[in-house]
Amino acid sequence: MCRHLGYVGPPVSLAELLLDPAHSLLEQTWSPRDMRGGGTVNVDGFGVGWYESGTEPARYRAAVPMWTDSAFGGLARRQRASAVLAAVRSATVGMPVIETACAPFTEQQWSFSHNGVVAGWPESLAKAAGELDVVDLMTLDAPTDSAVLWALLRHRLRRGEDPAEAVCEVLQQVVRTRPESRMNLLLTDGTTLIATTWGHALSVRRTADSVTVSSEPFGDDEQWTAVPDRRLVVADSRAVRVQPLNEGELP
């Protein structure tokens, strides 16, 4: 069911954030602590999007376990970023294990990840996907639930909708029909992190000048606060807001 992480704050190396800490995202590939029955390891690929300069993220994705990719290890020690969205993947049975199925999904300033699964895929998303442009459907990154969720969200962002409201609308489309879906979503523009908890774990770490959200705490566990289930998180380097997400009453 994947693990993901978002960071906004002073520039850090990707290795400092993803590889070096105790129980880092790297370790969560083979030894996650809180999968909640959604698999045992996250070895079906990984991806990292980072913001170094300008408004559009750079991106690295691979369809292999993070620890096997020596090229990324070298890159991570050289590359510094003021915002990062990263994910390690546990593919749902029946979905392809390919590079383009790995988060983050990106367009312009946006990076997106989905930690979970849409129950009843693909039939459960057929009606929602009907609102999308045919070309968007024909050019999905991969034939997966996460890629369709990104297309639905991207459609709203292109129309200029408020990002937090757009995330909630996409979640609502799914859970009204299949509330048992796991819908931990994570979106960033390199300045703000927008995340949801719906069936999966998430924690927040706030410092004087940074904020990190992660499926599982890493580094000093005492710095982290667990986010309850069915919550929306909107955070930047100055503040963190957490509010309930009630089925049928989403913002």
Protein backbone atom coordinates (compact mmCIF):
# COMPACT_ATOMS: atom_id res chain seq x y z
CA MET A 1 0.00 0.00 0.00
CA CYS A 2 3.05 2.27 -0.27
CA ARG A 3 4.66 4.82 2.05
CA HIS A 4 5.02 8.49 1.24
CA LEU A 5 6.61 11.64 2.60
CA GLY A 6 6.41 15.39 2.03
CA TYR A 7 8.81 18.08 3.27
CA VAL A 8 8.89 21.90 3.08
CA GLY A 9 11.60 23.95 4.74
CA PRO A 10 15.26 24.98 4.50
CA PRO A 11 17.25 23.14 1.81
CA VAL A 12 18.39 19.65 2.81
CA SER A 13 20.01 16.88 0.84
CA LEU A 14 17.72 14.11 -0.36
CA ALA A 15 19.92 11.66 1.53
CA GLU A 16 19.44 13.55 4.81
CA LEU A 17 15.70 13.26 4.38
CA LEU A 18 15.19 9.88 2.71
CA LEU A 19 18.20 7.64 3.31
CA ASP A 20 20.14 8.49 6.48
CA PRO A 21 17.66 8.84 9.39
CA ALA A 22 16.67 5.92 11.58
CA HIS A 23 13.64 4.21 10.00
CA SER A 24 14.01 6.38 6.91
CA LEU A 25 11.84 5.99 3.83
CA LEU A 26 14.61 3.71 2.55
CA GLU A 27 14.17 1.40 5.54
CA GLN A 28 10.40 1.53 5.14
CA THR A 29 10.82 -0.27 1.80
CA TRP A 30 11.75 -3.52 3.55
CA SER A 31 10.66 -2.95 7.17
CA PRO A 32 7.52 -0.78 7.43
CA ARG A 33 5.91 -0.64 10.85
CA ASP A 34 2.32 0.40 10.16
CA MET A 35 0.92 -1.04 6.94
CA ARG A 36 -2.43 -1.85 8.60
CA GLY A 37 -2.87 -5.07 6.69
CA GLY A 38 -2.08 -3.48 3.34
CA GLY A 39 0.96 -5.58 2.44
CA THR A 40 4.30 -6.28 4.10
CA VAL A 41 6.99 -4.50 2.04
CA ASN A 42 7.26 -1.61 -0.44
CA VAL A 43 9.60 -2.90 -3.12
CA ASP A 44 7.69 -2.30 -6.36
CA GLY A 45 9.47 0.92 -7.26
CA PHE A 46 9.88 4.40 -5.85
CA GLY A 47 9.89 8.03 -6.86
CA VAL A 48 11.10 11.40 -5.64
CA GLY A 49 10.11 14.89 -6.73
CA TRP A 50 12.12 17.84 -5.44
CA TYR A 51 12.09 21.60 -5.72
CA GLU A 52 15.49 23.23 -6.03
CA SER A 53 14.88 26.38 -8.05
CA GLY A 54 11.90 27.72 -9.93
CA THR A 55 8.41 26.38 -9.46
CA GLU A 56 8.51 23.02 -11.24
CA PRO A 57 9.89 19.92 -9.54
CA ALA A 58 12.61 17.66 -10.81
CA ARG A 59 11.67 13.98 -10.65
CA TYR A 60 13.33 10.57 -10.40
CA ARG A 61 11.34 7.32 -10.64
CA ALA A 62 12.36 3.68 -10.93
CA ALA A 63 10.55 0.33 -10.92
CA VAL A 64 13.03 -1.27 -8.51
CA PRO A 65 13.46 -1.22 -4.72
CA MET A 66 15.13 2.00 -3.57
CA TRP A 67 18.08 0.17 -2.01
CA THR A 68 19.04 -1.46 -5.32
CA ASP A 69 19.36 1.82 -7.22
CA SER A 70 22.93 3.03 -6.79
CA ALA A 71 22.38 5.88 -9.23
CA PHE A 72 19.76 7.37 -6.94
CA GLY A 73 21.98 6.93 -3.90
CA GLY A 74 24.66 9.06 -5.54
CA LEU A 75 22.17 11.66 -6.69
CA ALA A 76 20.58 11.89 -3.25
CA ARG A 77 23.88 12.82 -1.62
CA ARG A 78 24.53 15.63 -4.10
CA GLN A 79 21.04 17.04 -4.55
CA ARG A 80 19.58 19.59 -2.12
CA ALA A 81 15.98 20.79 -2.08
CA SER A 82 13.66 23.06 -0.12
CA ALA A 83 10.65 20.83 -0.80
CA VAL A 84 10.35 17.10 -1.47
CA LEU A 85 7.62 14.57 -2.18
CA ALA A 86 8.77 10.95 -2.17
CA ALA A 87 7.10 7.55 -2.18
CA VAL A 88 7.98 3.85 -2.13
CA ARG A 89 5.47 1.52 -3.76
CA SER A 90 3.70 -1.70 -2.87
CA ALA A 91 1.76 -2.53 -6.02
CA THR A 92 -1.82 -3.70 -5.67
CA VAL A 93 -2.38 -7.17 -7.15
CA GLY A 94 -3.28 -6.83 -10.82
CA MET A 95 -1.62 -3.45 -11.32
CA PRO A 96 1.63 -3.17 -13.30
CA VAL A 97 5.08 -2.83 -11.75
CA ILE A 98 6.50 -0.16 -14.03
CA GLU A 99 8.38 3.11 -13.52
CA THR A 100 5.48 5.31 -14.60
CA ALA A 101 3.17 3.76 -12.00
CA CYS A 102 5.34 5.20 -9.22
CA ALA A 103 4.53 8.47 -7.48
CA PRO A 104 5.04 11.32 -7.62
CA PHE A 105 2.81 12.22 -10.53
CA THR A 106 3.63 15.75 -11.65
CA GLU A 107 2.45 18.66 -13.78
CA GLN A 108 3.75 22.23 -13.68
CA GLN A 109 4.30 23.06 -9.99
CA TRP A 110 2.33 20.10 -8.64
CA SER A 111 3.51 16.75 -7.25
CA PHE A 112 1.05 14.07 -6.08
CA SER A 113 1.07 10.71 -4.32
CA HIS A 114 -1.61 8.22 -3.28
CA ASN A 115 -0.98 5.78 -0.43
CA GLY A 116 -3.73 3.18 -0.51
CA VAL A 117 -6.10 1.49 -2.93
CA VAL A 118 -9.45 2.27 -4.53
CA ALA A 119 -11.75 -0.64 -3.70
CA GLY A 120 -13.48 -2.21 -6.68
CA TRP A 121 -10.96 -0.90 -9.20
CA PRO A 122 -11.45 -0.29 -12.09
CA GLU A 123 -15.26 -0.34 -12.17
CA SER A 124 -15.52 1.91 -9.10
CA LEU A 125 -13.70 4.76 -10.87
CA ALA A 126 -15.41 4.40 -14.25
CA LYS A 127 -18.12 6.99 -13.61
CA ALA A 128 -15.69 9.56 -12.17
CA ALA A 129 -13.27 9.02 -15.05
CA GLY A 130 -16.08 9.85 -17.45
CA GLU A 131 -15.65 13.54 -16.63
CA LEU A 132 -12.10 13.53 -17.97
CA ASP A 133 -10.91 14.50 -21.41
CA VAL A 134 -10.37 11.45 -23.62
CA VAL A 135 -6.79 12.51 -24.33
CA ASP A 136 -6.07 12.67 -20.60
CA LEU A 137 -7.35 9.12 -20.20
CA MET A 138 -5.34 7.89 -23.20
CA THR A 139 -2.13 9.43 -21.84
CA LEU A 140 -2.29 8.31 -18.20
CA ASP A 141 1.11 7.52 -16.72
CA ALA A 142 -0.10 3.97 -15.97
CA PRO A 143 -3.32 1.90 -15.85
CA THR A 144 -3.63 2.22 -12.05
CA ASP A 145 -6.06 3.70 -9.55
CA SER A 146 -3.47 6.25 -8.39
CA ALA A 147 -2.92 7.54 -11.93
CA VAL A 148 -6.68 8.04 -12.41
CA LEU A 149 -6.90 9.83 -9.05
CA TRP A 150 -4.13 12.14 -10.21
CA ALA A 151 -5.98 12.81 -13.48
CA LEU A 152 -9.15 13.67 -11.55
CA LEU A 153 -7.23 16.00 -9.24
CA ARG A 154 -5.22 17.56 -12.05
CA HIS A 155 -8.47 18.29 -13.90
CA ARG A 156 -9.63 20.38 -10.94
CA LEU A 157 -6.31 22.14 -10.46
CA ARG A 158 -6.26 23.15 -14.13
CA ARG A 159 -9.65 24.79 -13.61
CA GLY A 160 -8.19 26.87 -10.81
CA GLU A 161 -9.96 25.18 -7.90
CA ASP A 162 -8.60 25.63 -4.40
CA PRO A 163 -6.06 22.78 -3.99
CA ALA A 164 -7.32 21.59 -0.59
CA GLU A 165 -10.92 21.61 -1.80
CA ALA A 166 -9.90 19.76 -4.96
CA VAL A 167 -8.18 17.04 -2.93
CA CYS A 168 -11.29 16.65 -0.76
CA GLU A 169 -13.58 16.48 -3.80
CA VAL A 170 -11.57 13.65 -5.33
CA LEU A 171 -11.56 11.76 -2.04
CA GLN A 172 -15.30 12.29 -1.74
CA GLN A 173 -15.95 10.93 -5.23
CA VAL A 174 -14.36 7.66 -4.23
CA VAL A 175 -15.51 7.14 -0.64
CA ARG A 176 -19.15 7.95 -1.31
CA THR A 177 -19.23 4.82 -3.45
CA ARG A 178 -16.51 2.74 -1.81
CA PRO A 179 -15.85 4.03 1.74
CA GLU A 180 -13.58 1.06 2.45
CA SER A 181 -11.02 2.47 0.01
CA ARG A 182 -7.71 3.64 1.44
CA MET A 183 -7.25 7.23 0.40
CA ASN A 184 -4.19 8.84 1.93
CA LEU A 185 -3.49 11.55 -0.65
CA LEU A 186 -0.52 13.94 -0.69
CA LEU A 187 -0.15 17.05 -2.87
CA THR A 188 2.42 19.84 -2.90
CA ASP A 189 3.35 22.86 -4.99
CA GLY A 190 6.74 23.17 -3.28
CA THR A 191 5.37 25.56 -0.65
CA THR A 192 2.32 23.91 0.92
CA LEU A 193 1.62 20.27 1.77
CA ILE A 194 -1.96 19.00 1.51
CA ALA A 195 -2.59 15.50 2.84
CA THR A 196 -5.48 13.26 3.87
CA THR A 197 -5.83 10.25 6.13
CA TRP A 198 -8.47 7.72 5.12
CA GLY A 199 -7.64 4.18 6.14
CA HIS A 200 -3.87 4.62 6.50
CA ALA A 201 -1.30 6.13 8.84
CA LEU A 202 0.24 9.62 8.71
CA SER A 203 2.33 11.67 11.12
CA VAL A 204 3.47 15.31 11.15
CA ARG A 205 6.77 16.77 12.35
CA ARG A 206 6.87 20.53 12.89
CA THR A 207 10.03 22.53 13.61
CA ALA A 208 10.70 26.26 13.80
CA ASP A 209 11.16 26.52 10.03
CA SER A 210 10.01 23.27 8.43
CA VAL A 211 7.20 20.76 8.26
CA THR A 212 7.29 17.08 7.29
CA VAL A 213 4.43 14.65 6.80
CA SER A 214 5.20 10.95 6.56
CA SER A 215 3.36 7.63 6.52
CA GLU A 216 5.65 6.59 9.37
CA PRO A 217 7.84 8.66 11.71
CA PHE A 218 11.59 8.57 11.14
CA GLY A 219 14.53 9.98 13.05
CA ASP A 220 13.51 11.19 16.51
CA ASP A 221 10.07 9.71 17.19
CA GLU A 222 9.39 12.30 19.91
CA GLN A 223 9.22 15.07 17.29
CA TRP A 224 6.23 13.51 15.54
CA THR A 225 2.48 13.78 16.10
CA ALA A 226 0.17 11.09 14.69
CA VAL A 227 -2.72 12.36 12.56
CA PRO A 228 -6.04 10.65 13.37
CA ASP A 229 -7.92 8.85 10.62
CA ARG A 230 -10.25 10.78 8.30
CA ARG A 231 -8.43 14.10 8.51
CA LEU A 232 -7.29 16.81 6.10
CA VAL A 233 -3.86 18.32 6.76
CA VAL A 234 -2.80 21.64 5.23
CA ALA A 235 0.72 22.67 6.24
CA ASP A 236 3.58 24.95 5.32
CA SER A 237 6.76 26.10 7.08
CA ARG A 238 4.71 28.46 9.28
CA ALA A 239 1.63 26.51 10.37
CA VAL A 240 -0.18 23.17 10.33
CA ARG A 241 -3.97 22.87 10.13
CA VAL A 242 -5.77 19.55 10.75
CA GLN A 243 -9.53 19.17 10.33
CA PRO A 244 -11.98 16.26 10.22
CA LEU A 245 -13.10 14.62 7.00
CA ASN A 246 -16.58 13.23 7.51
CA GLU A 247 -18.08 11.03 4.83
CA GLY A 248 -20.84 12.99 3.11
CA GLU A 249 -19.76 16.26 4.77
CA LEU A 250 -16.39 16.85 3.17
CA PRO A 251 -15.30 20.46 2.56
